[in-house]
Amino acid sequence: MLEWIIIGGGIQGTTMATFLLKSGKTTVDQLAIVDRNGEPLARWKHCTEVISMPYLRSPSVHHLDVNPFSLQKYVEKADWNNNFYGQYKRPSLQSFNEHCAQVTDDLSIKQAWVQGKVTSVCKTGQGWEVQLQNKRRLAGKKIVISIGIGEQHYWPDWALQLKQEHEGFIFHIFDGNIPELTQLHGPITIIGGGISSVHLALKLSKIYPNEVTVLKRHPFRIHNFDSDPGWLGPKRQRPFRAITSYQKRREAIIHARYKGSIPPDLHKVLMNQVKQVLLRVMDVEVISAVWRDGYISLRDKNEKVIQQTGTILLATGFKSSMPGKDWLTPVIQSHDLRLAECGYPIVSQSLQWGPGLYVTGALAELEMGPISRNISGARQAAERIVNSL
């Protein structure tokens, strides 16, 4: 029997593994990290590569390693230039990913890797058993569920209908089956006004000058980060933890998140591209879409044609419902695990949901607050769990 099983090998799960191993709470031979992908951070790498994000939004002290200055030291040792951007020292994607690779290699994390899809989890006398789709079973004393909402792509109703009727003309940008971006049927329309949409628009405007349009329902929401930096520490966290109503905690999280926002520097770059007529940006909401002869007419609430396009790329984010419902629901019912009205776990301050069962990431947000899904949240969650052992 293993000491620890971590379900999810993205930023959250890999950070958890790093903190467990570096704190000496377990060894790599007593750990399993279960993920449907073949290597750590596979989804992260895929999504950031699709949009060609040059720099992270978060500062250099937010990464997988325990020492906050580990990434800065790594870059200094490598003697790279231009690997931090702006006053918050936002790391380049390349330096962040290479630092992640060094951390995981140093800890031999791939030795603990188990590729597979979880189908069920159940409590045993000594701990927990995880069953995978390939029928493999893993037994562990303690388990951490570190899954996110990244596979719950949000599709507007009109987009779902168009996909069902004319597949091949509309994609969510984080779909695994999105075609090669250099082979798209133009002109191209990106739906959404957040950071992923803007990065993608800048990338595509170089490949398809004057053939890219961004359609968004609201003016750009410009913020350095996706929530107030006060949420990183006691200034915002202490009053949040004092809220006893989980419904009010959920309201606080929704209010605190700068959903669909972009940092000022990215907005400036985008507006320069617009001035040069390399791409267009429009504030309008699409209500329906009609396909004819290889092109799609996008229409507003008055049935007025907004524009005609060849390919639609949705940068519409993710559904907010609790991830992993298909296999988590039986676990919740069998072991009387507590849920708030919003459907998310009610956990202890140490992020314990049941005996020997912990959560990080999205599942921990009613305790961690709006930073829970971020890299900073991954670090703080791992630290909380490790310090409670």
Protein backbone atom coordinates (compact mmCIF):
# COMPACT_ATOMS: atom_id res chain seq x y z
CA MET A 1 0.00 0.00 0.00
CA LEU A 2 1.23 3.47 -0.97
CA GLU A 3 1.39 6.35 1.49
CA TRP A 4 -0.10 8.92 -0.90
CA ILE A 5 -2.13 8.95 -4.10
CA ILE A 6 -2.58 12.27 -5.91
CA ILE A 7 -5.32 12.42 -8.55
CA GLY A 8 -4.36 15.05 -11.11
CA GLY A 9 -0.91 15.78 -12.50
CA GLY A 10 -1.29 19.40 -13.53
CA ILE A 11 0.03 22.46 -11.70
CA GLN A 12 -1.98 21.60 -8.57
CA GLY A 13 -1.09 17.91 -8.32
CA THR A 14 2.57 18.34 -9.24
CA THR A 15 2.97 21.16 -6.70
CA MET A 16 1.40 18.89 -4.06
CA ALA A 17 3.82 16.10 -4.94
CA THR A 18 6.79 18.50 -4.77
CA PHE A 19 5.83 19.75 -1.30
CA LEU A 20 5.23 16.21 0.03
CA LEU A 21 8.57 14.97 -1.27
CA LYS A 22 10.65 17.99 -0.26
CA SER A 23 9.14 18.09 3.23
CA GLY A 24 10.07 14.44 3.74
CA LYS A 25 6.43 13.43 4.31
CA THR A 26 6.81 10.68 1.73
CA THR A 27 9.21 9.20 -0.81
CA VAL A 28 8.71 8.78 -4.55
CA ASP A 29 8.30 5.00 -4.24
CA GLN A 30 5.45 5.56 -1.76
CA LEU A 31 3.63 8.02 -4.04
CA ALA A 32 1.39 7.68 -7.10
CA ILE A 33 0.27 10.58 -9.29
CA VAL A 34 -2.69 9.58 -11.46
CA ASP A 35 -3.40 11.56 -14.60
CA ARG A 36 -4.94 10.74 -17.98
CA ASN A 37 -1.97 12.38 -19.74
CA GLY A 38 1.46 10.84 -20.21
CA GLU A 39 3.55 13.38 -18.29
CA PRO A 40 3.34 16.14 -15.67
CA LEU A 41 1.73 19.45 -16.73
CA ALA A 42 0.63 18.09 -20.12
CA ARG A 43 -2.63 20.10 -20.17
CA TRP A 44 -0.84 23.24 -19.03
CA LYS A 45 1.74 22.89 -21.79
CA HIS A 46 -0.91 22.21 -24.43
CA CYS A 47 -3.08 25.19 -23.49
CA THR A 48 -0.23 27.69 -23.19
CA GLU A 49 1.29 26.47 -26.45
CA VAL A 50 -1.99 26.90 -28.35
CA ILE A 51 -2.22 30.58 -27.42
CA SER A 52 1.58 31.17 -27.48
CA MET A 53 1.60 32.96 -24.14
CA PRO A 54 5.06 34.61 -23.87
CA TYR A 55 4.93 35.50 -20.15
CA LEU A 56 2.85 34.23 -17.26
CA ARG A 57 0.41 36.58 -15.59
CA SER A 58 1.65 35.62 -12.13
CA PRO A 59 4.92 36.84 -10.57
CA SER A 60 8.18 34.89 -10.38
CA VAL A 61 7.59 33.70 -6.79
CA HIS A 62 4.63 31.57 -7.96
CA HIS A 63 5.85 28.21 -9.23
CA LEU A 64 5.99 24.52 -8.24
CA ASP A 65 8.96 24.55 -5.90
CA VAL A 66 8.94 25.07 -2.12
CA ASN A 67 11.46 27.95 -2.02
CA PRO A 68 9.66 31.09 -3.29
CA PHE A 69 12.86 32.34 -4.98
CA SER A 70 13.69 29.03 -6.64
CA LEU A 71 12.64 30.19 -10.12
CA GLN A 72 14.60 33.45 -9.86
CA LYS A 73 17.71 31.55 -8.78
CA TYR A 74 17.25 29.08 -11.62
CA VAL A 75 17.10 31.87 -14.21
CA GLU A 76 20.06 33.72 -12.67
CA LYS A 77 22.14 30.55 -12.78
CA ALA A 78 21.22 29.98 -16.42
CA ASP A 79 22.20 33.62 -17.14
CA TRP A 80 19.20 34.19 -19.44
CA ASN A 81 18.12 37.61 -20.62
CA ASN A 82 14.56 38.99 -20.78
CA ASN A 83 13.09 36.15 -18.73
CA PHE A 84 11.15 38.38 -16.36
CA TYR A 85 8.68 41.02 -17.47
CA GLY A 86 7.62 44.19 -15.71
CA GLN A 87 7.57 45.29 -12.08
CA TYR A 88 6.12 41.98 -10.85
CA LYS A 89 8.88 39.95 -12.51
CA ARG A 90 6.48 37.81 -14.50
CA PRO A 91 8.48 34.84 -15.82
CA SER A 92 8.64 33.83 -19.46
CA LEU A 93 6.73 30.67 -20.26
CA GLN A 94 9.95 29.02 -21.40
CA SER A 95 11.81 29.69 -18.14
CA PHE A 96 8.79 28.64 -16.06
CA ASN A 97 8.39 25.36 -17.95
CA GLU A 98 12.11 24.57 -17.84
CA HIS A 99 12.17 25.26 -14.10
CA CYS A 100 9.17 22.91 -13.69
CA ALA A 101 11.08 20.24 -15.63
CA GLN A 102 14.12 20.65 -13.39
CA VAL A 103 12.02 20.35 -10.22
CA THR A 104 10.21 17.23 -11.42
CA ASP A 105 13.43 15.64 -12.72
CA ASP A 106 15.33 16.34 -9.49
CA LEU A 107 12.57 14.62 -7.52
CA SER A 108 12.15 11.76 -10.06
CA ILE A 109 8.43 12.51 -10.07
CA LYS A 110 7.91 10.55 -13.29
CA GLN A 111 8.68 7.38 -11.30
CA ALA A 112 5.43 7.98 -9.42
CA TRP A 113 3.45 8.67 -12.59
CA VAL A 114 0.43 6.48 -13.38
CA GLN A 115 -1.32 7.29 -16.63
CA GLY A 116 -5.02 6.50 -16.53
CA LYS A 117 -8.54 7.78 -16.07
CA VAL A 118 -10.12 7.43 -12.62
CA THR A 119 -13.48 5.66 -12.64
CA SER A 120 -14.05 5.15 -8.91
CA VAL A 121 -12.64 5.84 -5.46
CA CYS A 122 -13.65 4.04 -2.28
CA LYS A 123 -12.64 3.93 1.37
CA THR A 124 -10.96 0.80 2.67
CA GLY A 125 -10.02 -0.28 6.16
CA GLN A 126 -6.50 1.14 5.86
CA GLY A 127 -7.03 4.01 3.44
CA TRP A 128 -8.38 4.53 -0.06
CA GLU A 129 -8.59 2.52 -3.27
CA VAL A 130 -8.58 4.12 -6.71
CA GLN A 131 -9.76 2.19 -9.76
CA LEU A 132 -8.79 3.22 -13.27
CA GLN A 133 -10.54 2.71 -16.58
CA ASN A 134 -7.96 0.05 -17.54
CA LYS A 135 -9.04 -1.91 -14.42
CA ARG A 136 -5.82 -1.16 -12.56
CA ARG A 137 -6.29 -0.54 -8.83
CA LEU A 138 -4.15 1.59 -6.53
CA ALA A 139 -4.28 1.50 -2.74
CA GLY A 140 -3.05 4.37 -0.58
CA LYS A 141 -3.27 5.51 3.02
CA LYS A 142 -4.02 9.09 2.02
CA ILE A 143 -5.38 10.67 -1.14
CA VAL A 144 -5.33 14.20 -2.59
CA ILE A 145 -7.78 15.17 -5.33
CA SER A 146 -6.15 17.90 -7.41
CA ILE A 147 -8.38 18.04 -10.46
CA GLY A 148 -9.44 21.27 -12.14
CA ILE A 149 -12.17 22.57 -14.42
CA GLY A 150 -9.86 22.64 -17.45
CA GLU A 151 -11.70 19.85 -19.26
CA GLN A 152 -15.14 21.44 -18.75
CA HIS A 153 -15.12 23.72 -21.78
CA TYR A 154 -17.95 26.22 -21.91
CA TRP A 155 -19.93 26.28 -25.17
CA PRO A 156 -22.74 28.84 -25.68
CA ASP A 157 -26.03 27.28 -26.88
CA TRP A 158 -25.71 28.72 -30.40
CA ALA A 159 -22.18 27.33 -30.67
CA LEU A 160 -23.24 23.84 -29.58
CA GLN A 161 -25.99 23.83 -32.18
CA LEU A 162 -23.59 24.95 -34.91
CA LYS A 163 -21.10 22.25 -33.91
CA GLN A 164 -23.77 19.56 -34.10
CA GLU A 165 -24.93 20.69 -37.54
CA HIS A 166 -21.58 21.64 -39.11
CA GLU A 167 -18.66 20.16 -37.22
CA GLY A 168 -15.26 21.31 -38.43
CA PHE A 169 -15.99 25.04 -38.50
CA ILE A 170 -16.10 25.78 -34.77
CA PHE A 171 -13.73 24.76 -31.96
CA HIS A 172 -13.02 25.55 -28.34
CA ILE A 173 -9.43 26.74 -28.26
CA PHE A 174 -8.48 24.15 -25.63
CA ASP A 175 -10.09 21.20 -27.45
CA GLY A 176 -7.68 18.37 -28.09
CA ASN A 177 -8.93 18.16 -31.68
CA ILE A 178 -8.35 21.80 -32.65
CA PRO A 179 -6.72 21.88 -36.11
CA GLU A 180 -3.26 23.25 -36.86
CA LEU A 181 -3.64 27.02 -36.53
CA THR A 182 -1.79 27.65 -39.79
CA GLN A 183 -4.42 25.61 -41.66
CA LEU A 184 -7.62 27.41 -40.62
CA HIS A 185 -10.32 28.47 -43.07
CA GLY A 186 -10.41 32.27 -42.91
CA PRO A 187 -11.59 34.74 -41.98
CA ILE A 188 -11.34 33.81 -38.31
CA THR A 189 -13.53 34.92 -35.42
CA ILE A 190 -12.50 34.52 -31.77
CA ILE A 191 -15.33 34.62 -29.22
CA GLY A 192 -14.31 35.95 -25.81
CA GLY A 193 -12.53 38.93 -24.28
CA GLY A 194 -10.22 37.37 -21.69
CA ILE A 195 -6.49 36.75 -21.59
CA SER A 196 -6.55 33.54 -23.66
CA SER A 197 -8.59 35.24 -26.38
CA VAL A 198 -6.18 38.16 -26.62
CA HIS A 199 -3.03 36.00 -26.70
CA LEU A 200 -4.60 33.89 -29.45
CA ALA A 201 -5.71 36.96 -31.43
CA LEU A 202 -2.19 38.38 -31.34
CA LYS A 203 -0.79 35.05 -32.52
CA LEU A 204 -3.30 34.61 -35.35
CA SER A 205 -3.04 38.23 -36.54
CA LYS A 206 0.56 37.47 -37.55
CA ILE A 207 -0.53 34.40 -39.53
CA TYR A 208 -3.72 35.94 -40.97
CA PRO A 209 -3.24 39.76 -41.09
CA ASN A 210 -6.57 41.63 -41.24
CA GLU A 211 -8.54 38.35 -41.16
CA VAL A 212 -8.98 38.01 -37.38
CA THR A 213 -11.85 39.47 -35.37
CA VAL A 214 -12.42 39.29 -31.61
CA LEU A 215 -16.08 39.41 -30.53
CA LYS A 216 -16.74 40.02 -26.84
CA ARG A 217 -19.83 40.79 -24.81
CA HIS A 218 -18.29 43.52 -22.66
CA PRO A 219 -15.52 46.14 -22.76
CA PHE A 220 -12.08 44.86 -21.80
CA ARG A 221 -11.69 44.35 -18.06
CA ILE A 222 -8.16 45.51 -17.34
CA HIS A 223 -6.42 44.25 -14.18
CA ASN A 224 -2.84 43.18 -13.46
CA PHE A 225 -4.00 39.95 -11.85
CA ASP A 226 -7.20 37.90 -11.86
CA SER A 227 -8.03 38.97 -8.30
CA ASP A 228 -6.83 41.60 -5.84
CA PRO A 229 -3.27 40.76 -4.61
CA GLY A 230 -4.63 41.12 -1.06
CA TRP A 231 -6.08 37.61 -1.49
CA LEU A 232 -2.55 36.19 -1.45
CA GLY A 233 -2.21 36.90 2.25
CA PRO A 234 -4.09 37.55 5.51
CA LYS A 235 -5.47 40.94 4.40
CA ARG A 236 -8.25 39.25 2.41
CA GLN A 237 -7.93 35.63 3.55
CA ARG A 238 -8.60 36.25 7.26
CA PRO A 239 -11.97 38.02 6.74
CA PHE A 240 -12.89 35.36 4.18
CA ARG A 241 -12.27 32.53 6.65
CA ALA A 242 -14.38 34.37 9.23
CA ILE A 243 -17.45 34.03 6.96
CA THR A 244 -19.47 31.11 8.33
CA SER A 245 -22.00 30.94 5.48
CA TYR A 246 -20.66 28.97 2.51
CA GLN A 247 -23.19 30.67 0.27
CA LYS A 248 -21.65 34.01 1.24
CA ARG A 249 -18.16 32.60 0.72
CA ARG A 250 -19.19 31.63 -2.81
CA GLU A 251 -20.55 35.13 -3.40
CA ALA A 252 -17.27 36.58 -2.11
CA ILE A 253 -15.27 34.40 -4.52
CA ILE A 254 -17.42 35.37 -7.51
CA HIS A 255 -17.15 39.05 -6.59
CA ALA A 256 -13.37 38.85 -6.04
CA ARG A 257 -12.47 37.21 -9.34
CA TYR A 258 -11.73 39.53 -12.24
CA LYS A 259 -13.31 37.10 -14.65
CA GLY A 260 -12.32 37.50 -18.30
CA SER A 261 -9.77 40.20 -17.49
CA ILE A 262 -6.44 41.05 -19.13
CA PRO A 263 -3.32 42.86 -17.83
CA PRO A 264 -2.65 46.44 -19.02
CA ASP A 265 0.46 45.57 -21.07
CA LEU A 266 -1.42 42.96 -23.09
CA HIS A 267 -4.25 45.41 -23.76
CA LYS A 268 -1.73 47.94 -25.05
CA VAL A 269 -0.17 45.43 -27.46
CA LEU A 270 -3.60 44.41 -28.73
CA MET A 271 -4.71 48.00 -29.33
CA ASN A 272 -1.53 48.62 -31.33
CA GLN A 273 -2.42 45.68 -33.56
CA VAL A 274 -5.94 47.07 -33.98
CA LYS A 275 -4.55 50.50 -34.96
CA GLN A 276 -2.40 48.82 -37.60
CA VAL A 277 -5.55 47.11 -38.93
CA LEU A 278 -4.01 43.68 -38.34
CA LEU A 279 -7.11 42.57 -36.42
CA ARG A 280 -10.55 43.84 -35.33
CA VAL A 281 -12.27 43.97 -31.95
CA MET A 282 -16.04 44.36 -31.50
CA ASP A 283 -18.26 44.57 -28.41
CA VAL A 284 -21.29 42.49 -29.37
CA GLU A 285 -23.02 39.32 -28.21
CA VAL A 286 -23.61 36.51 -30.67
CA ILE A 287 -27.05 34.93 -30.32
CA SER A 288 -27.23 32.70 -33.40
CA ALA A 289 -25.14 31.38 -36.28
CA VAL A 290 -26.16 30.26 -39.77
CA TRP A 291 -23.88 28.18 -42.01
CA ARG A 292 -24.07 28.49 -45.79
CA ASP A 293 -21.61 27.50 -48.53
CA GLY A 294 -18.63 27.13 -46.20
CA TYR A 295 -19.13 30.37 -44.29
CA ILE A 296 -20.94 31.22 -41.05
CA SER A 297 -23.12 34.28 -40.53
CA LEU A 298 -23.00 35.39 -36.91
CA ARG A 299 -26.08 37.28 -35.73
CA ASP A 300 -27.05 39.43 -32.75
CA LYS A 301 -30.28 39.49 -30.74
CA ASN A 302 -32.03 41.45 -33.53
CA GLU A 303 -31.04 38.85 -36.12
CA LYS A 304 -28.70 41.40 -37.63
CA VAL A 305 -25.61 39.87 -39.27
CA ILE A 306 -22.53 40.84 -37.26
CA GLN A 307 -20.15 39.35 -39.79
CA GLN A 308 -19.40 36.33 -41.94
CA THR A 309 -16.57 34.05 -40.98
CA GLY A 310 -14.84 30.85 -42.04
CA THR A 311 -13.74 29.51 -38.64
CA ILE A 312 -14.92 30.24 -35.10
CA LEU A 313 -12.61 29.73 -32.13
CA LEU A 314 -14.24 29.85 -28.69
CA ALA A 315 -12.17 31.42 -25.92
CA THR A 316 -15.18 31.22 -23.61
CA GLY A 317 -13.54 29.61 -20.62
CA PHE A 318 -14.89 26.75 -18.56
CA LYS A 319 -18.05 25.63 -16.80
CA SER A 320 -17.99 26.49 -13.11
CA SER A 321 -19.63 23.27 -11.91
CA MET A 322 -17.64 20.93 -9.67
CA PRO A 323 -15.17 18.84 -11.69
CA GLY A 324 -15.02 15.04 -11.53
CA LYS A 325 -18.75 14.64 -10.80
CA ASP A 326 -19.01 11.36 -12.71
CA TRP A 327 -16.80 9.47 -10.25
CA LEU A 328 -16.96 11.82 -7.25
CA THR A 329 -20.74 11.64 -6.77
CA PRO A 330 -20.72 7.99 -5.56
CA VAL A 331 -17.80 8.80 -3.20
CA ILE A 332 -19.71 11.75 -1.75
CA GLN A 333 -22.83 9.65 -1.22
CA SER A 334 -21.04 6.62 0.19
CA HIS A 335 -18.92 8.50 2.69
CA ASP A 336 -21.22 11.39 3.63
CA LEU A 337 -18.82 14.02 2.37
CA ARG A 338 -20.08 17.54 2.97
CA LEU A 339 -21.07 19.84 0.11
CA ALA A 340 -22.14 23.47 0.07
CA GLU A 341 -25.22 24.67 -1.81
CA CYS A 342 -23.04 25.48 -4.84
CA GLY A 343 -22.05 21.79 -5.05
CA TYR A 344 -18.43 22.25 -3.95
CA PRO A 345 -16.75 20.53 -0.97
CA ILE A 346 -16.85 21.85 2.57
CA VAL A 347 -13.40 21.06 3.96
CA SER A 348 -11.33 21.76 7.05
CA GLN A 349 -8.63 24.43 7.29
CA SER A 350 -6.13 21.72 6.41
CA LEU A 351 -8.21 20.99 3.27
CA GLN A 352 -9.33 17.61 4.59
CA TRP A 353 -12.68 16.49 3.16
CA GLY A 354 -12.83 13.08 4.82
CA PRO A 355 -10.52 10.73 6.76
CA GLY A 356 -7.22 10.80 4.87
CA LEU A 357 -8.90 12.59 1.94
CA TYR A 358 -7.65 16.04 0.90
CA VAL A 359 -8.40 18.44 -1.96
CA THR A 360 -6.54 21.25 -3.71
CA GLY A 361 -7.34 23.56 -6.61
CA ALA A 362 -10.93 24.22 -7.60
CA LEU A 363 -12.29 21.72 -5.06
CA ALA A 364 -10.65 23.66 -2.21
CA GLU A 365 -11.89 27.14 -3.13
CA LEU A 366 -14.55 27.47 -0.43
CA GLU A 367 -11.68 27.28 2.06
CA MET A 368 -8.85 28.85 0.02
CA GLY A 369 -10.78 31.66 -1.68
CA PRO A 370 -10.44 32.99 -5.23
CA ILE A 371 -6.71 32.16 -5.55
CA SER A 372 -7.42 28.46 -5.10
CA ARG A 373 -7.18 27.53 -8.81
CA ASN A 374 -4.01 29.54 -9.40
CA ILE A 375 -0.33 28.67 -8.98
CA SER A 376 -0.27 30.70 -5.74
CA GLY A 377 -3.27 28.70 -4.54
CA ALA A 378 -1.52 25.43 -5.40
CA ARG A 379 1.47 26.45 -3.29
CA GLN A 380 -0.61 27.58 -0.31
CA ALA A 381 -2.82 24.48 -0.44
CA ALA A 382 0.18 22.14 -0.53
CA GLU A 383 1.74 24.04 2.36
CA ARG A 384 -1.45 23.81 4.43
CA ILE A 385 -1.74 20.06 3.92
CA VAL A 386 1.95 19.37 4.58
CA ASN A 387 1.97 21.54 7.73
CA SER A 388 -1.08 19.70 9.09
CA LEU A 389 0.56 16.27 8.92
